[in-house]
Structure formats: C-alpha cells, structure tokens
Amino acid sequence: AAIRSYHGLKKHVKGLKTLGASREEVESAM
C-alpha cells in the first residue's frame, strides 16, 4: 500500500483471506 502497488495489494489481500485473516485484521494493517 505504501508504495502504491495496487495490483499486488489486491492479490495479497485475497491471499490473506484464505490464510484466515479477518476483515478487521486487514483493515488494521491498512
């Protein structure tokens, strides 16, 4: 996010969801 790599950001967020990350955890990181 900091380097504005939005394509990678979308891909890794989706991967995080499959790893069991909650929406709140993703939101906190952002």
Full PDB file with SEQRES, HELIX, SHEET, SSBOND, CRYST1, ORIGX, SCALE, CONECT and MASTER records, all heavy atoms in Angstrom:
SEQRES   1 A   30  ALA ALA ILE ARG SER TYR HIS GLY LEU LYS LYS HIS VAL          
SEQRES   2 A   30  LYS GLY LEU LYS THR LEU GLY ALA SER ARG GLU GLU VAL          
SEQRES   3 A   30  GLU SER ALA MET                                              
HELIX    1 AA1 TYR A    6  THR A   18  1                                  13    
HELIX    2 AA2 ARG A   23  ALA A   29  1                                   7    
CRYST1    1.000    1.000    1.000  90.00  90.00  90.00 P 1           1          
ORIGX1      1.000000  0.000000  0.000000        0.00000                         
ORIGX2      0.000000  1.000000  0.000000        0.00000                         
ORIGX3      0.000000  0.000000  1.000000        0.00000                         
SCALE1      1.000000  0.000000  0.000000        0.00000                         
SCALE2      0.000000  1.000000  0.000000        0.00000                         
SCALE3      0.000000  0.000000  1.000000        0.00000                         
ATOM      1  N   ALA A   1       0.830  -1.204   0.000  1.00  0.00           N  
ATOM      2  CA  ALA A   1       0.000   0.000   0.000  1.00  0.00           C  
ATOM      3  C   ALA A   1       0.864   1.252   0.000  1.00  0.00           C  
ATOM      4  O   ALA A   1       0.586   2.209  -0.734  1.00  0.00           O  
ATOM      5  CB  ALA A   1      -0.933  -0.015   1.210  1.00  0.00           C  
ATOM      6  N   ALA A   2       1.920   1.246   0.808  1.00  0.00           N  
ATOM      7  CA  ALA A   2       2.785   2.422   0.917  1.00  0.00           C  
ATOM      8  C   ALA A   2       3.458   2.765  -0.414  1.00  0.00           C  
ATOM      9  O   ALA A   2       3.648   3.942  -0.724  1.00  0.00           O  
ATOM     10  CB  ALA A   2       3.843   2.199   1.995  1.00  0.00           C  
ATOM     11  N   ILE A   3       3.799   1.743  -1.193  1.00  0.00           N  
ATOM     12  CA  ILE A   3       4.454   2.011  -2.481  1.00  0.00           C  
ATOM     13  C   ILE A   3       3.453   2.057  -3.634  1.00  0.00           C  
ATOM     14  O   ILE A   3       3.829   2.144  -4.790  1.00  0.00           O  
ATOM     15  CB  ILE A   3       5.581   1.005  -2.773  1.00  0.00           C  
ATOM     16  CG1 ILE A   3       5.043  -0.411  -2.947  1.00  0.00           C  
ATOM     17  CG2 ILE A   3       6.672   1.077  -1.710  1.00  0.00           C  
ATOM     18  CD1 ILE A   3       6.059  -1.395  -3.519  1.00  0.00           C  
ATOM     19  N   ARG A   4       2.180   1.978  -3.284  1.00  0.00           N  
ATOM     20  CA  ARG A   4       1.081   2.066  -4.254  1.00  0.00           C  
ATOM     21  C   ARG A   4       1.124   0.961  -5.301  1.00  0.00           C  
ATOM     22  O   ARG A   4       0.832   1.170  -6.473  1.00  0.00           O  
ATOM     23  CB  ARG A   4       1.037   3.443  -4.903  1.00  0.00           C  
ATOM     24  CG  ARG A   4       0.796   4.541  -3.903  1.00  0.00           C  
ATOM     25  CD  ARG A   4       0.735   5.882  -4.524  1.00  0.00           C  
ATOM     26  NE  ARG A   4       0.506   6.877  -3.469  1.00  0.00           N  
ATOM     27  CZ  ARG A   4       0.491   8.158  -3.672  1.00  0.00           C  
ATOM     28  NH1 ARG A   4       0.655   8.637  -4.881  1.00  0.00           N  
ATOM     29  NH2 ARG A   4       0.280   8.974  -2.675  1.00  0.00           N  
ATOM     30  N   SER A   5       1.466  -0.225  -4.856  1.00  0.00           N  
ATOM     31  CA  SER A   5       1.453  -1.411  -5.729  1.00  0.00           C  
ATOM     32  C   SER A   5       0.083  -2.064  -5.595  1.00  0.00           C  
ATOM     33  O   SER A   5      -0.103  -3.064  -4.909  1.00  0.00           O  
ATOM     34  CB  SER A   5       2.562  -2.383  -5.318  1.00  0.00           C  
ATOM     35  OG  SER A   5       2.512  -3.540  -6.132  1.00  0.00           O  
ATOM     36  N   TYR A   6      -0.902  -1.471  -6.248  1.00  0.00           N  
ATOM     37  CA  TYR A   6      -2.284  -1.865  -6.038  1.00  0.00           C  
ATOM     38  C   TYR A   6      -2.621  -3.238  -6.606  1.00  0.00           C  
ATOM     39  O   TYR A   6      -3.441  -3.956  -6.045  1.00  0.00           O  
ATOM     40  CB  TYR A   6      -3.232  -0.794  -6.580  1.00  0.00           C  
ATOM     41  CG  TYR A   6      -3.045   0.546  -5.896  1.00  0.00           C  
ATOM     42  CD1 TYR A   6      -3.088   1.723  -6.619  1.00  0.00           C  
ATOM     43  CD2 TYR A   6      -2.816   0.631  -4.523  1.00  0.00           C  
ATOM     44  CE1 TYR A   6      -2.922   2.953  -5.987  1.00  0.00           C  
ATOM     45  CE2 TYR A   6      -2.639   1.849  -3.892  1.00  0.00           C  
ATOM     46  CZ  TYR A   6      -2.694   3.006  -4.633  1.00  0.00           C  
ATOM     47  OH  TYR A   6      -2.526   4.211  -4.006  1.00  0.00           O  
ATOM     48  N   HIS A   7      -1.983  -3.623  -7.703  1.00  0.00           N  
ATOM     49  CA  HIS A   7      -2.228  -4.966  -8.248  1.00  0.00           C  
ATOM     50  C   HIS A   7      -1.785  -6.019  -7.227  1.00  0.00           C  
ATOM     51  O   HIS A   7      -2.519  -6.954  -6.918  1.00  0.00           O  
ATOM     52  CB  HIS A   7      -1.491  -5.153  -9.575  1.00  0.00           C  
ATOM     53  CG  HIS A   7      -1.727  -6.484 -10.192  1.00  0.00           C  
ATOM     54  ND1 HIS A   7      -2.856  -6.761 -10.939  1.00  0.00           N  
ATOM     55  CD2 HIS A   7      -1.014  -7.629 -10.156  1.00  0.00           C  
ATOM     56  CE1 HIS A   7      -2.814  -8.016 -11.328  1.00  0.00           C  
ATOM     57  NE2 HIS A   7      -1.705  -8.562 -10.872  1.00  0.00           N  
ATOM     58  N   GLY A   8      -0.585  -5.847  -6.690  1.00  0.00           N  
ATOM     59  CA  GLY A   8      -0.078  -6.770  -5.676  1.00  0.00           C  
ATOM     60  C   GLY A   8      -0.899  -6.712  -4.402  1.00  0.00           C  
ATOM     61  O   GLY A   8      -1.129  -7.726  -3.744  1.00  0.00           O  
ATOM     62  N   LEU A   9      -1.354  -5.519  -4.040  1.00  0.00           N  
ATOM     63  CA  LEU A   9      -2.162  -5.353  -2.840  1.00  0.00           C  
ATOM     64  C   LEU A   9      -3.438  -6.193  -2.927  1.00  0.00           C  
ATOM     65  O   LEU A   9      -3.758  -6.947  -2.004  1.00  0.00           O  
ATOM     66  CB  LEU A   9      -2.503  -3.870  -2.649  1.00  0.00           C  
ATOM     67  CG  LEU A   9      -3.387  -3.516  -1.457  1.00  0.00           C  
ATOM     68  CD1 LEU A   9      -2.724  -3.921  -0.141  1.00  0.00           C  
ATOM     69  CD2 LEU A   9      -3.691  -2.021  -1.470  1.00  0.00           C  
ATOM     70  N   LYS A  10      -4.137  -6.095  -4.044  1.00  0.00           N  
ATOM     71  CA  LYS A  10      -5.375  -6.875  -4.208  1.00  0.00           C  
ATOM     72  C   LYS A  10      -5.094  -8.370  -4.102  1.00  0.00           C  
ATOM     73  O   LYS A  10      -5.794  -9.105  -3.407  1.00  0.00           O  
ATOM     74  CB  LYS A  10      -6.002  -6.576  -5.576  1.00  0.00           C  
ATOM     75  CG  LYS A  10      -6.652  -5.243  -5.677  1.00  0.00           C  
ATOM     76  CD  LYS A  10      -7.009  -4.951  -7.116  1.00  0.00           C  
ATOM     77  CE  LYS A  10      -8.483  -4.879  -7.292  1.00  0.00           C  
ATOM     78  NZ  LYS A  10      -8.857  -4.487  -8.657  1.00  0.00           N  
ATOM     79  N   LYS A  11      -4.052  -8.813  -4.775  1.00  0.00           N  
ATOM     80  CA  LYS A  11      -3.705 -10.232  -4.791  1.00  0.00           C  
ATOM     81  C   LYS A  11      -3.360 -10.734  -3.383  1.00  0.00           C  
ATOM     82  O   LYS A  11      -3.830 -11.783  -2.958  1.00  0.00           O  
ATOM     83  CB  LYS A  11      -2.541 -10.453  -5.758  1.00  0.00           C  
ATOM     84  CG  LYS A  11      -2.172 -11.883  -5.980  1.00  0.00           C  
ATOM     85  CD  LYS A  11      -1.108 -11.959  -7.074  1.00  0.00           C  
ATOM     86  CE  LYS A  11      -0.688 -13.340  -7.395  1.00  0.00           C  
ATOM     87  NZ  LYS A  11      -1.722 -14.219  -7.868  1.00  0.00           N  
ATOM     88  N   HIS A  12      -2.572  -9.970  -2.652  1.00  0.00           N  
ATOM     89  CA  HIS A  12      -2.143 -10.413  -1.326  1.00  0.00           C  
ATOM     90  C   HIS A  12      -3.263 -10.311  -0.290  1.00  0.00           C  
ATOM     91  O   HIS A  12      -3.315 -11.126   0.629  1.00  0.00           O  
ATOM     92  CB  HIS A  12      -0.884  -9.665  -0.895  1.00  0.00           C  
ATOM     93  CG  HIS A  12       0.350 -10.192  -1.552  1.00  0.00           C  
ATOM     94  ND1 HIS A  12       1.112 -11.204  -1.017  1.00  0.00           N  
ATOM     95  CD2 HIS A  12       0.923  -9.884  -2.738  1.00  0.00           C  
ATOM     96  CE1 HIS A  12       2.111 -11.481  -1.829  1.00  0.00           C  
ATOM     97  NE2 HIS A  12       2.013 -10.686  -2.882  1.00  0.00           N  
ATOM     98  N   VAL A  13      -4.151  -9.347  -0.444  1.00  0.00           N  
ATOM     99  CA  VAL A  13      -5.300  -9.275   0.467  1.00  0.00           C  
ATOM    100  C   VAL A  13      -6.180 -10.506   0.279  1.00  0.00           C  
ATOM    101  O   VAL A  13      -6.622 -11.121   1.252  1.00  0.00           O  
ATOM    102  CB  VAL A  13      -6.108  -7.971   0.262  1.00  0.00           C  
ATOM    103  CG1 VAL A  13      -7.466  -8.054   0.940  1.00  0.00           C  
ATOM    104  CG2 VAL A  13      -5.326  -6.777   0.804  1.00  0.00           C  
ATOM    105  N   LYS A  14      -6.408 -10.887  -0.967  1.00  0.00           N  
ATOM    106  CA  LYS A  14      -7.208 -12.087  -1.219  1.00  0.00           C  
ATOM    107  C   LYS A  14      -6.522 -13.320  -0.642  1.00  0.00           C  
ATOM    108  O   LYS A  14      -7.166 -14.204  -0.077  1.00  0.00           O  
ATOM    109  CB  LYS A  14      -7.464 -12.236  -2.719  1.00  0.00           C  
ATOM    110  CG  LYS A  14      -8.427 -11.190  -3.229  1.00  0.00           C  
ATOM    111  CD  LYS A  14      -8.629 -11.287  -4.728  1.00  0.00           C  
ATOM    112  CE  LYS A  14      -9.570 -10.195  -5.201  1.00  0.00           C  
ATOM    113  NZ  LYS A  14      -9.817 -10.271  -6.642  1.00  0.00           N  
ATOM    114  N   GLY A  15      -5.191 -13.380  -0.750  1.00  0.00           N  
ATOM    115  CA  GLY A  15      -4.439 -14.476  -0.151  1.00  0.00           C  
ATOM    116  C   GLY A  15      -4.546 -14.483   1.368  1.00  0.00           C  
ATOM    117  O   GLY A  15      -4.628 -15.539   1.993  1.00  0.00           O  
ATOM    118  N   LEU A  16      -4.552 -13.304   1.954  1.00  0.00           N  
ATOM    119  CA  LEU A  16      -4.705 -13.202   3.407  1.00  0.00           C  
ATOM    120  C   LEU A  16      -6.035 -13.762   3.867  1.00  0.00           C  
ATOM    121  O   LEU A  16      -6.119 -14.411   4.904  1.00  0.00           O  
ATOM    122  CB  LEU A  16      -4.599 -11.740   3.842  1.00  0.00           C  
ATOM    123  CG  LEU A  16      -3.235 -11.300   4.315  1.00  0.00           C  
ATOM    124  CD1 LEU A  16      -3.130  -9.792   4.372  1.00  0.00           C  
ATOM    125  CD2 LEU A  16      -2.907 -11.911   5.657  1.00  0.00           C  
ATOM    126  N   LYS A  17      -7.058 -13.515   3.093  1.00  0.00           N  
ATOM    127  CA  LYS A  17      -8.373 -14.033   3.468  1.00  0.00           C  
ATOM    128  C   LYS A  17      -8.341 -15.563   3.491  1.00  0.00           C  
ATOM    129  O   LYS A  17      -8.898 -16.179   4.392  1.00  0.00           O  
ATOM    130  CB  LYS A  17      -9.440 -13.518   2.503  1.00  0.00           C  
ATOM    131  CG  LYS A  17     -10.846 -13.758   3.001  1.00  0.00           C  
ATOM    132  CD  LYS A  17     -11.862 -12.981   2.183  1.00  0.00           C  
ATOM    133  CE  LYS A  17     -13.248 -13.167   2.744  1.00  0.00           C  
ATOM    134  NZ  LYS A  17     -14.245 -12.392   2.006  1.00  0.00           N  
ATOM    135  N   THR A  18      -7.656 -16.173   2.535  1.00  0.00           N  
ATOM    136  CA  THR A  18      -7.565 -17.641   2.525  1.00  0.00           C  
ATOM    137  C   THR A  18      -6.695 -18.152   3.669  1.00  0.00           C  
ATOM    138  O   THR A  18      -6.832 -19.304   4.072  1.00  0.00           O  
ATOM    139  CB  THR A  18      -7.039 -18.184   1.171  1.00  0.00           C  
ATOM    140  OG1 THR A  18      -5.692 -17.754   0.984  1.00  0.00           O  
ATOM    141  CG2 THR A  18      -7.898 -17.728   0.016  1.00  0.00           C  
ATOM    142  N   LEU A  19      -5.809 -17.297   4.184  1.00  0.00           N  
ATOM    143  CA  LEU A  19      -4.992 -17.677   5.347  1.00  0.00           C  
ATOM    144  C   LEU A  19      -5.759 -17.507   6.658  1.00  0.00           C  
ATOM    145  O   LEU A  19      -5.230 -17.787   7.726  1.00  0.00           O  
ATOM    146  CB  LEU A  19      -3.710 -16.833   5.407  1.00  0.00           C  
ATOM    147  CG  LEU A  19      -2.634 -17.128   4.379  1.00  0.00           C  
ATOM    148  CD1 LEU A  19      -1.508 -16.104   4.477  1.00  0.00           C  
ATOM    149  CD2 LEU A  19      -2.082 -18.538   4.568  1.00  0.00           C  
ATOM    150  N   GLY A  20      -6.982 -16.995   6.566  1.00  0.00           N  
ATOM    151  CA  GLY A  20      -7.802 -16.843   7.764  1.00  0.00           C  
ATOM    152  C   GLY A  20      -7.778 -15.466   8.386  1.00  0.00           C  
ATOM    153  O   GLY A  20      -8.292 -15.279   9.496  1.00  0.00           O  
ATOM    154  N   ALA A  21      -7.195 -14.492   7.704  1.00  0.00           N  
ATOM    155  CA  ALA A  21      -7.184 -13.137   8.249  1.00  0.00           C  
ATOM    156  C   ALA A  21      -8.603 -12.577   8.242  1.00  0.00           C  
ATOM    157  O   ALA A  21      -9.340 -12.739   7.270  1.00  0.00           O  
ATOM    158  CB  ALA A  21      -6.264 -12.233   7.432  1.00  0.00           C  
ATOM    159  N   SER A  22      -8.954 -11.928   9.318  1.00  0.00           N  
ATOM    160  CA  SER A  22     -10.278 -11.306   9.394  1.00  0.00           C  
ATOM    161  C   SER A  22     -10.252  -9.969   8.661  1.00  0.00           C  
ATOM    162  O   SER A  22      -9.187  -9.384   8.412  1.00  0.00           O  
ATOM    163  CB  SER A  22     -10.671 -11.075  10.857  1.00  0.00           C  
ATOM    164  OG  SER A  22      -9.856 -10.061  11.429  1.00  0.00           O  
ATOM    165  N   ARG A  23     -11.421  -9.477   8.350  1.00  0.00           N  
ATOM    166  CA  ARG A  23     -11.540  -8.170   7.723  1.00  0.00           C  
ATOM    167  C   ARG A  23     -10.929  -7.108   8.640  1.00  0.00           C  
ATOM    168  O   ARG A  23     -10.259  -6.174   8.185  1.00  0.00           O  
ATOM    169  CB  ARG A  23     -13.007  -7.860   7.435  1.00  0.00           C  
ATOM    170  CG  ARG A  23     -13.221  -6.627   6.580  1.00  0.00           C  
ATOM    171  CD  ARG A  23     -14.707  -6.410   6.282  1.00  0.00           C  
ATOM    172  NE  ARG A  23     -14.899  -5.465   5.202  1.00  0.00           N  
ATOM    173  CZ  ARG A  23     -14.800  -4.150   5.328  1.00  0.00           C  
ATOM    174  NH1 ARG A  23     -14.489  -3.621   6.492  1.00  0.00           N  
ATOM    175  NH2 ARG A  23     -15.012  -3.361   4.275  1.00  0.00           N  
ATOM    176  N   GLU A  24     -11.140  -7.257   9.931  1.00  0.00           N  
ATOM    177  CA  GLU A  24     -10.621  -6.301  10.908  1.00  0.00           C  
ATOM    178  C   GLU A  24      -9.089  -6.293  10.927  1.00  0.00           C  
ATOM    179  O   GLU A  24      -8.473  -5.237  11.096  1.00  0.00           O  
ATOM    180  CB  GLU A  24     -11.176  -6.598  12.307  1.00  0.00           C  
ATOM    181  CG  GLU A  24     -12.663  -6.333  12.443  1.00  0.00           C  
ATOM    182  CD  GLU A  24     -13.566  -7.418  11.830  1.00  0.00           C  
ATOM    183  OE1 GLU A  24     -13.088  -8.546  11.556  1.00  0.00           O  
ATOM    184  OE2 GLU A  24     -14.750  -7.119  11.604  1.00  0.00           O  
ATOM    185  N   GLU A  25      -8.468  -7.464  10.771  1.00  0.00           N  
ATOM    186  CA  GLU A  25      -7.002  -7.524  10.730  1.00  0.00           C  
ATOM    187  C   GLU A  25      -6.471  -6.823   9.487  1.00  0.00           C  
ATOM    188  O   GLU A  25      -5.487  -6.072   9.564  1.00  0.00           O  
ATOM    189  CB  GLU A  25      -6.525  -8.976  10.766  1.00  0.00           C  
ATOM    190  CG  GLU A  25      -6.714  -9.641  12.105  1.00  0.00           C  
ATOM    191  CD  GLU A  25      -6.403 -11.128  12.077  1.00  0.00           C  
ATOM    192  OE1 GLU A  25      -6.850 -11.836  11.134  1.00  0.00           O  
ATOM    193  OE2 GLU A  25      -5.717 -11.583  13.015  1.00  0.00           O  
ATOM    194  N   VAL A  26      -7.096  -7.069   8.348  1.00  0.00           N  
ATOM    195  CA  VAL A  26      -6.679  -6.403   7.107  1.00  0.00           C  
ATOM    196  C   VAL A  26      -6.879  -4.897   7.241  1.00  0.00           C  
ATOM    197  O   VAL A  26      -5.993  -4.101   6.909  1.00  0.00           O  
ATOM    198  CB  VAL A  26      -7.440  -6.967   5.887  1.00  0.00           C  
ATOM    199  CG1 VAL A  26      -7.189  -6.132   4.636  1.00  0.00           C  
ATOM    200  CG2 VAL A  26      -7.051  -8.424   5.646  1.00  0.00           C  
ATOM    201  N   GLU A  27      -8.029  -4.507   7.776  1.00  0.00           N  
ATOM    202  CA  GLU A  27      -8.315  -3.091   7.949  1.00  0.00           C  
ATOM    203  C   GLU A  27      -7.299  -2.437   8.882  1.00  0.00           C  
ATOM    204  O   GLU A  27      -6.811  -1.333   8.618  1.00  0.00           O  
ATOM    205  CB  GLU A  27      -9.725  -2.900   8.477  1.00  0.00           C  
ATOM    206  CG  GLU A  27     -10.128  -1.446   8.577  1.00  0.00           C  
ATOM    207  CD  GLU A  27     -11.591  -1.274   8.936  1.00  0.00           C  
ATOM    208  OE1 GLU A  27     -12.130  -2.080   9.730  1.00  0.00           O  
ATOM    209  OE2 GLU A  27     -12.181  -0.325   8.419  1.00  0.00           O  
ATOM    210  N   SER A  28      -6.933  -3.113   9.957  1.00  0.00           N  
ATOM    211  CA  SER A  28      -5.952  -2.560  10.897  1.00  0.00           C  
ATOM    212  C   SER A  28      -4.592  -2.373  10.231  1.00  0.00           C  
ATOM    213  O   SER A  28      -3.921  -1.358  10.455  1.00  0.00           O  
ATOM    214  CB  SER A  28      -5.814  -3.463  12.124  1.00  0.00           C  
ATOM    215  OG  SER A  28      -6.987  -3.406  12.897  1.00  0.00           O  
ATOM    216  N   ALA A  29      -4.181  -3.343   9.427  1.00  0.00           N  
ATOM    217  CA  ALA A  29      -2.908  -3.226   8.714  1.00  0.00           C  
ATOM    218  C   ALA A  29      -2.934  -2.032   7.760  1.00  0.00           C  
ATOM    219  O   ALA A  29      -1.943  -1.308   7.630  1.00  0.00           O  
ATOM    220  CB  ALA A  29      -2.596  -4.512   7.948  1.00  0.00           C  
ATOM    221  N   MET A  30      -4.071  -1.822   7.116  1.00  0.00           N  
ATOM    222  CA  MET A  30      -4.190  -0.713   6.177  1.00  0.00           C  
ATOM    223  C   MET A  30      -4.244   0.631   6.905  1.00  0.00           C  
ATOM    224  O   MET A  30      -3.595   1.586   6.498  1.00  0.00           O  
ATOM    225  CB  MET A  30      -5.423  -0.889   5.296  1.00  0.00           C  
ATOM    226  CG  MET A  30      -5.365  -2.103   4.391  1.00  0.00           C  
ATOM    227  SD  MET A  30      -3.866  -2.196   3.391  1.00  0.00           S  
ATOM    228  CE  MET A  30      -3.986  -0.675   2.485  1.00  0.00           C  
TER     229      MET A  30                                                      
MASTER        0    0    0    2    0    0    0    6  228    1    0    3          
END                                                                             
